[in-house]
N, C-alpha and C. Protein backbone atom coordinates (compact mmCIF):
# COMPACT_ATOMS: atom_id res chain seq x y z
N MET A 1 256.20 32.34 156.27
CA MET A 1 255.84 33.72 155.62
C MET A 1 255.86 33.60 154.13
N ASN A 2 254.97 34.15 153.45
CA ASN A 2 254.90 34.14 152.02
C ASN A 2 256.13 34.62 151.21
N ALA A 3 256.57 33.88 150.36
CA ALA A 3 257.88 34.26 149.57
C ALA A 3 257.61 35.59 148.76
N LEU A 4 256.45 35.90 148.32
CA LEU A 4 256.00 36.92 147.59
C LEU A 4 256.07 38.21 148.41
N GLU A 5 255.80 38.10 149.70
CA GLU A 5 255.82 39.21 150.72
C GLU A 5 257.22 39.83 150.74
N ASN A 6 258.14 39.06 150.77
CA ASN A 6 259.58 39.42 150.93
C ASN A 6 260.31 39.72 149.67
N LEU A 7 259.60 39.62 148.48
CA LEU A 7 260.28 39.69 147.17
C LEU A 7 260.63 41.26 147.00
N GLN A 8 261.87 41.44 146.58
CA GLN A 8 262.27 42.82 146.38
C GLN A 8 262.84 42.74 144.84
N LEU A 9 262.91 44.04 144.38
CA LEU A 9 263.36 44.31 142.98
C LEU A 9 264.66 43.58 142.66
N GLU A 10 265.46 43.73 143.76
CA GLU A 10 266.88 43.16 143.48
C GLU A 10 266.86 41.60 143.46
N ASP A 11 265.70 40.98 143.75
CA ASP A 11 265.68 39.46 143.84
C ASP A 11 265.47 39.02 142.29
N LEU A 12 265.00 39.85 141.47
CA LEU A 12 264.58 39.58 140.14
C LEU A 12 265.79 39.66 139.09
N ASP A 13 265.61 38.91 138.20
CA ASP A 13 266.64 38.87 137.06
C ASP A 13 266.41 40.16 136.21
N GLN A 14 267.26 40.50 135.31
CA GLN A 14 267.08 41.78 134.43
C GLN A 14 265.72 41.96 133.74
N GLU A 15 265.29 40.83 133.13
CA GLU A 15 264.01 40.82 132.38
C GLU A 15 262.74 41.20 133.29
N GLN A 16 262.92 40.31 134.47
CA GLN A 16 261.84 40.48 135.31
C GLN A 16 261.88 41.90 135.97
N GLN A 17 262.91 42.42 136.23
CA GLN A 17 263.10 43.84 136.82
C GLN A 17 262.49 44.87 135.92
N GLU A 18 262.67 44.58 134.60
CA GLU A 18 262.17 45.53 133.59
C GLU A 18 260.62 45.54 133.64
N VAL A 19 259.99 44.43 133.70
CA VAL A 19 258.47 44.24 133.86
C VAL A 19 258.15 44.91 135.12
N ALA A 20 258.68 44.56 136.13
CA ALA A 20 258.33 45.08 137.47
C ALA A 20 258.44 46.60 137.64
N GLU A 21 259.36 47.16 136.83
CA GLU A 21 259.56 48.63 136.90
C GLU A 21 258.42 49.24 136.02
N VAL A 22 258.02 48.65 135.07
CA VAL A 22 256.92 49.17 134.15
C VAL A 22 255.66 49.15 134.86
N ILE A 23 255.25 48.02 135.59
CA ILE A 23 254.05 47.76 136.16
C ILE A 23 253.91 48.03 137.63
N GLY A 24 255.13 48.17 138.24
CA GLY A 24 255.13 48.31 139.69
C GLY A 24 255.40 46.96 140.40
N LEU A 25 256.14 46.88 141.47
CA LEU A 25 256.45 45.63 142.10
C LEU A 25 255.42 44.93 142.69
N GLU A 26 254.33 45.73 143.18
CA GLU A 26 253.08 45.07 143.76
C GLU A 26 252.34 44.30 142.64
N ASN A 27 252.18 45.09 141.53
CA ASN A 27 251.49 44.30 140.41
C ASN A 27 252.20 43.23 139.82
N TYR A 28 253.60 43.25 139.90
CA TYR A 28 254.32 42.19 139.40
C TYR A 28 254.18 41.09 140.36
N LYS A 29 254.04 41.13 141.67
CA LYS A 29 253.82 40.06 142.58
C LYS A 29 252.37 39.58 142.32
N GLN A 30 251.45 40.30 141.97
CA GLN A 30 250.04 39.88 141.63
C GLN A 30 250.12 38.86 140.39
N LEU A 31 250.96 39.41 139.43
CA LEU A 31 251.08 38.51 138.22
C LEU A 31 251.73 37.25 138.61
N ILE A 32 252.76 37.20 139.47
CA ILE A 32 253.32 35.99 140.01
C ILE A 32 252.30 35.12 140.64
N ALA A 33 251.52 35.60 141.46
CA ALA A 33 250.54 34.94 142.29
C ALA A 33 249.56 34.24 141.46
N ARG A 34 249.14 34.96 140.33
CA ARG A 34 248.02 34.55 139.55
C ARG A 34 248.53 33.58 138.21
N TYR A 35 249.66 33.98 137.75
CA TYR A 35 250.14 33.39 136.52
C TYR A 35 251.38 32.68 136.44
N GLY A 36 252.01 32.73 137.66
CA GLY A 36 253.33 32.15 137.93
C GLY A 36 253.51 30.64 137.29
N GLY A 37 254.53 30.42 136.57
CA GLY A 37 254.74 29.15 135.84
C GLY A 37 254.15 29.02 134.59
N THR A 38 253.25 29.96 134.11
CA THR A 38 252.52 29.89 132.94
C THR A 38 253.11 30.95 131.76
N SER A 39 252.65 30.71 130.61
CA SER A 39 252.99 31.84 129.62
C SER A 39 251.81 32.62 129.27
N ILE A 40 252.16 33.96 129.16
CA ILE A 40 251.02 35.02 128.84
C ILE A 40 251.60 35.59 127.57
N TYR A 41 250.61 35.73 126.61
CA TYR A 41 250.93 36.28 125.40
C TYR A 41 250.45 37.84 125.51
N ILE A 42 251.22 38.70 125.24
CA ILE A 42 250.89 40.16 125.19
C ILE A 42 250.92 40.63 123.82
N PRO A 43 249.78 40.82 123.05
CA PRO A 43 249.79 41.26 121.76
C PRO A 43 250.47 42.77 121.49
N LYS A 44 250.87 43.08 120.40
CA LYS A 44 251.49 44.34 120.15
C LYS A 44 250.33 45.21 120.02
N ALA A 45 250.66 46.55 120.29
CA ALA A 45 249.64 47.64 120.25
C ALA A 45 248.85 47.79 118.92
N ASP A 46 249.62 47.46 117.78
CA ASP A 46 249.00 47.61 116.43
C ASP A 46 248.26 46.47 116.04
N ARG A 47 247.99 45.52 116.83
CA ARG A 47 247.24 44.30 116.55
C ARG A 47 245.86 44.51 115.73
N LYS A 48 245.18 45.50 116.32
CA LYS A 48 243.91 45.75 115.62
C LYS A 48 243.82 46.35 114.32
N GLU A 49 244.97 47.17 114.12
CA GLU A 49 245.33 47.71 112.83
C GLU A 49 245.68 46.68 111.86
N ARG A 50 246.60 45.80 112.23
CA ARG A 50 246.98 44.74 111.32
C ARG A 50 245.77 43.76 110.96
N MET A 51 244.92 43.59 111.88
CA MET A 51 243.86 42.70 111.53
C MET A 51 242.88 43.36 110.57
N LYS A 52 242.70 44.68 110.72
CA LYS A 52 241.87 45.38 109.75
C LYS A 52 242.53 45.54 108.38
N ARG A 53 243.85 45.62 108.24
CA ARG A 53 244.69 45.64 107.15
C ARG A 53 244.60 44.28 106.48
N ASN A 54 244.74 43.27 107.13
CA ASN A 54 244.64 41.90 106.53
C ASN A 54 243.36 41.67 105.95
N GLU A 55 242.14 42.06 106.62
CA GLU A 55 240.98 41.92 106.07
C GLU A 55 240.73 42.64 104.83
N GLN A 56 241.32 43.81 104.79
CA GLN A 56 241.27 44.70 103.51
C GLN A 56 241.99 43.93 102.40
N ILE A 57 243.15 43.27 102.64
CA ILE A 57 243.96 42.54 101.70
C ILE A 57 243.16 41.35 101.23
N ARG A 58 242.47 40.60 102.08
CA ARG A 58 241.75 39.43 101.68
C ARG A 58 240.50 39.91 100.78
N SER A 59 239.77 41.07 101.09
CA SER A 59 238.78 41.59 100.38
C SER A 59 239.10 41.98 99.04
N THR A 60 240.34 42.49 98.83
CA THR A 60 240.72 42.93 97.47
C THR A 60 241.59 41.81 96.66
N PHE A 61 241.74 40.81 97.34
CA PHE A 61 242.54 39.81 96.52
C PHE A 61 241.76 39.17 95.56
N ASP A 62 242.20 38.90 94.31
CA ASP A 62 241.46 38.27 93.24
C ASP A 62 242.03 37.06 92.88
N GLY A 63 243.00 36.42 93.59
CA GLY A 63 243.46 35.14 93.27
C GLY A 63 244.88 35.19 92.69
N TYR A 64 245.25 36.42 92.23
CA TYR A 64 246.55 36.40 91.60
C TYR A 64 247.42 37.71 91.75
N ASN A 65 246.68 38.67 92.34
CA ASN A 65 247.41 39.92 92.48
C ASN A 65 248.24 40.15 93.73
N PHE A 66 249.16 39.13 93.91
CA PHE A 66 250.10 39.17 95.11
C PHE A 66 251.05 40.48 95.00
N ARG A 67 251.72 40.63 93.88
CA ARG A 67 252.62 41.73 93.80
C ARG A 67 251.93 43.13 93.98
N GLU A 68 250.76 43.22 93.39
CA GLU A 68 250.09 44.61 93.57
C GLU A 68 249.70 44.83 95.07
N LEU A 69 249.25 43.80 95.75
CA LEU A 69 248.92 44.05 97.06
C LEU A 69 250.18 44.28 97.96
N ALA A 70 251.24 43.54 97.71
CA ALA A 70 252.50 43.64 98.34
C ALA A 70 252.96 45.22 98.21
N GLN A 71 252.86 45.73 97.09
CA GLN A 71 253.32 47.07 96.79
C GLN A 71 252.36 48.09 97.54
N LYS A 72 251.04 47.81 97.32
CA LYS A 72 250.07 48.86 97.92
C LYS A 72 250.27 48.76 99.51
N PHE A 73 250.32 47.81 100.11
CA PHE A 73 250.48 47.83 101.48
C PHE A 73 251.84 47.65 102.14
N GLY A 74 252.91 47.83 101.29
CA GLY A 74 254.31 47.76 101.77
C GLY A 74 254.67 46.55 102.50
N LEU A 75 254.23 45.45 101.93
CA LEU A 75 254.64 43.96 102.54
C LEU A 75 255.35 43.26 101.44
N THR A 76 255.87 42.17 101.87
CA THR A 76 256.45 41.25 100.88
C THR A 76 255.35 40.44 100.34
N GLU A 77 255.62 39.79 99.02
CA GLU A 77 254.71 38.84 98.53
C GLU A 77 254.47 37.69 99.36
N VAL A 78 255.67 37.16 100.05
CA VAL A 78 255.44 36.05 100.86
C VAL A 78 254.32 36.41 101.99
N THR A 79 254.48 37.60 102.51
CA THR A 79 253.45 38.05 103.58
C THR A 79 252.03 37.98 102.95
N ILE A 80 251.90 38.47 101.82
CA ILE A 80 250.54 38.55 101.28
C ILE A 80 250.15 37.14 101.12
N ARG A 81 251.02 36.21 100.58
CA ARG A 81 250.56 34.90 100.31
C ARG A 81 250.17 34.26 101.67
N SER A 82 250.74 34.45 102.66
CA SER A 82 250.29 33.97 104.08
C SER A 82 249.09 34.54 104.48
N ILE A 83 248.84 35.92 104.18
CA ILE A 83 247.54 36.46 104.73
C ILE A 83 246.45 35.83 103.88
N VAL A 84 246.56 35.68 102.65
CA VAL A 84 245.44 35.16 101.72
C VAL A 84 245.52 33.64 101.46
N SER A 85 246.23 32.94 102.16
CA SER A 85 246.34 31.53 101.87
C SER A 85 245.06 30.73 101.76
N ASP A 86 244.17 30.98 102.66
CA ASP A 86 242.83 30.22 102.70
C ASP A 86 242.10 30.78 101.44
N LYS A 87 242.04 32.02 101.21
CA LYS A 87 241.30 32.61 100.08
C LYS A 87 241.74 32.09 98.72
N VAL A 88 243.02 31.82 98.54
CA VAL A 88 243.72 31.32 97.42
C VAL A 88 242.90 29.94 97.10
N LYS A 89 243.01 29.05 97.98
CA LYS A 89 242.34 27.81 97.82
C LYS A 89 240.82 27.93 97.43
N GLU A 90 240.13 28.71 98.05
CA GLU A 90 238.72 29.05 97.87
C GLU A 90 238.55 29.59 96.41
N ILE A 91 239.19 30.65 96.00
CA ILE A 91 239.12 31.21 94.72
C ILE A 91 239.47 30.29 93.54
N ARG A 92 240.63 29.50 93.71
CA ARG A 92 240.99 28.80 92.66
C ARG A 92 240.20 27.40 92.65
N ALA A 93 239.42 27.05 93.54
CA ALA A 93 238.46 25.90 93.57
C ALA A 93 237.19 26.18 92.60
N GLN A 94 236.93 27.56 92.61
CA GLN A 94 235.65 27.76 91.77
C GLN A 94 235.95 27.62 90.27
N PRO A 95 234.93 27.30 89.50
CA PRO A 95 235.14 27.25 88.08
C PRO A 95 235.38 28.71 87.41
N MET A 96 236.12 28.66 86.36
CA MET A 96 236.34 29.82 85.68
C MET A 96 235.08 30.21 84.97
N ASP A 97 234.86 31.58 84.63
CA ASP A 97 233.69 32.10 83.98
C ASP A 97 233.49 31.16 82.70
N GLY A 98 232.34 30.65 82.48
CA GLY A 98 231.98 29.90 81.24
C GLY A 98 232.44 28.37 81.27
N GLN A 99 233.17 28.07 82.33
CA GLN A 99 233.59 26.68 82.40
C GLN A 99 232.41 25.79 82.84
N LEU A 100 232.33 24.63 82.24
CA LEU A 100 231.29 23.65 82.65
C LEU A 100 231.88 22.64 83.55
N SER A 101 231.23 22.16 84.53
CA SER A 101 231.58 21.16 85.41
C SER A 101 231.08 19.88 84.95
N LEU A 102 231.64 18.86 85.41
CA LEU A 102 231.23 17.40 84.91
C LEU A 102 229.70 17.26 85.17
N LEU A 103 229.15 17.82 86.33
CA LEU A 103 227.86 17.73 86.59
C LEU A 103 226.86 18.31 85.47
N ASP A 104 227.34 19.62 85.04
CA ASP A 104 226.69 20.31 83.93
C ASP A 104 226.60 19.50 82.73
N LEU A 105 227.64 18.76 82.42
CA LEU A 105 227.71 17.94 81.21
C LEU A 105 226.70 16.79 81.43
N LEU A 106 226.73 16.11 82.43
CA LEU A 106 225.83 15.02 82.77
C LEU A 106 224.54 15.40 82.67
N THR A 107 224.16 16.54 83.25
CA THR A 107 222.75 17.04 83.27
C THR A 107 222.36 17.40 81.93
N SER A 108 223.21 17.94 81.15
CA SER A 108 222.72 18.31 79.77
C SER A 108 222.64 17.21 78.90
N GLU A 109 223.38 15.99 79.07
CA GLU A 109 223.21 14.80 78.35
C GLU A 109 221.90 14.14 78.60
N ASN A 110 221.48 14.30 79.90
CA ASN A 110 220.24 13.56 80.30
C ASN A 110 218.98 14.34 79.72
N ILE A 111 219.22 15.64 79.55
CA ILE A 111 218.07 16.43 79.07
C ILE A 111 217.80 16.14 77.49
N GLN A 112 218.88 16.03 76.74
CA GLN A 112 218.68 15.90 75.38
C GLN A 112 218.28 14.43 74.85
């Protein structure tokens, strides 16, 4: 006889019982049958809102306004730095307005 058929709520530990009570014992058995022994990530309900917020932060980031964004979005500067880390590298790698690159200098010397 299949072990899942005989599985009762009392056979589960506290955490497992909580899940089974939320989704129902039969659904819990289906989870075990399909995903037993693996890990499943269940995102928070606000995941989509956080993704939208993070994109808004990235789009308004100018390379230096960590404090301003932290205050505006109610986050720490460390969190803002984490959200915009890739964009920091991208922005700071660009030349400043009016700054010549070595290629510009070499090209202008060859023209003259």
